Amino acid sequence: MSLAHWAIVAIVVFLLFGAGKLPRLMGDVAEGIKAFKKGMKEDEPSKQIEDKKE
């Protein structure tokens, strides 16, 4: 996609969500990613313990 296409997409997204909602939306996405990573880290030790039992 060319630069003009990306500009149109950005304008449409800005019009749909507004200036106030975009930062909050990106913050929610970042929190979700952090929670997912934390969950994956917490799951790894229990998996290692199960492997040792076998």
Protein backbone atom coordinates (compact mmCIF):
# COMPACT_ATOMS: atom_id res chain seq x y z
CA MET A 1 0.00 0.00 0.00
CA SER A 2 1.21 3.45 -0.79
CA LEU A 3 1.59 6.35 1.60
CA ALA A 4 -1.69 7.84 0.39
CA HIS A 5 -3.56 4.66 1.32
CA TRP A 6 -2.09 4.68 4.83
CA ALA A 7 -3.02 8.35 5.22
CA ILE A 8 -6.64 7.62 4.26
CA VAL A 9 -6.78 4.69 6.69
CA ALA A 10 -5.35 6.87 9.47
CA ILE A 11 -7.91 9.60 8.81
CA VAL A 12 -10.80 7.11 8.83
CA VAL A 13 -9.59 5.55 12.09
CA PHE A 14 -9.19 8.99 13.63
CA LEU A 15 -12.71 9.97 12.59
CA LEU A 16 -14.24 6.73 13.88
CA PHE A 17 -12.53 6.62 17.25
CA GLY A 18 -11.78 10.28 17.88
CA ALA A 19 -8.72 11.79 19.49
CA GLY A 20 -9.69 10.83 23.05
CA LYS A 21 -10.37 7.16 22.45
CA LEU A 22 -7.17 6.27 20.57
CA PRO A 23 -4.72 6.68 23.49
CA ARG A 24 -7.07 4.79 25.80
CA LEU A 25 -7.51 2.04 23.22
CA MET A 26 -3.75 1.69 22.76
CA GLY A 27 -3.30 1.63 26.54
CA ASP A 28 -5.83 -1.18 26.82
CA VAL A 29 -4.01 -3.14 24.13
CA ALA A 30 -0.70 -2.65 25.94
CA GLU A 31 -2.24 -3.84 29.24
CA GLY A 32 -3.61 -6.91 27.49
CA ILE A 33 -0.20 -7.77 26.05
CA LYS A 34 1.46 -7.31 29.45
CA ALA A 35 -1.13 -9.54 31.13
CA PHE A 36 -0.65 -12.19 28.46
CA LYS A 37 3.14 -12.16 28.89
CA LYS A 38 2.77 -12.33 32.68
CA GLY A 39 0.42 -15.28 32.34
CA MET A 40 2.86 -17.07 30.05
CA LYS A 41 5.72 -16.53 32.53
CA GLU A 42 3.62 -17.82 35.43
CA ASP A 43 2.67 -20.90 33.44
CA GLU A 44 6.26 -21.92 32.61
CA PRO A 45 7.38 -22.93 36.15
CA SER A 46 4.36 -25.18 36.64
CA LYS A 47 5.09 -26.88 33.34
CA GLN A 48 8.70 -27.50 34.40
CA ILE A 49 7.51 -29.04 37.69
CA GLU A 50 5.16 -31.37 35.79
CA ASP A 51 8.02 -32.43 33.50
CA LYS A 52 10.18 -33.32 36.53
CA LYS A 53 7.41 -35.51 38.01
CA GLU A 54 7.34 -37.72 34.92
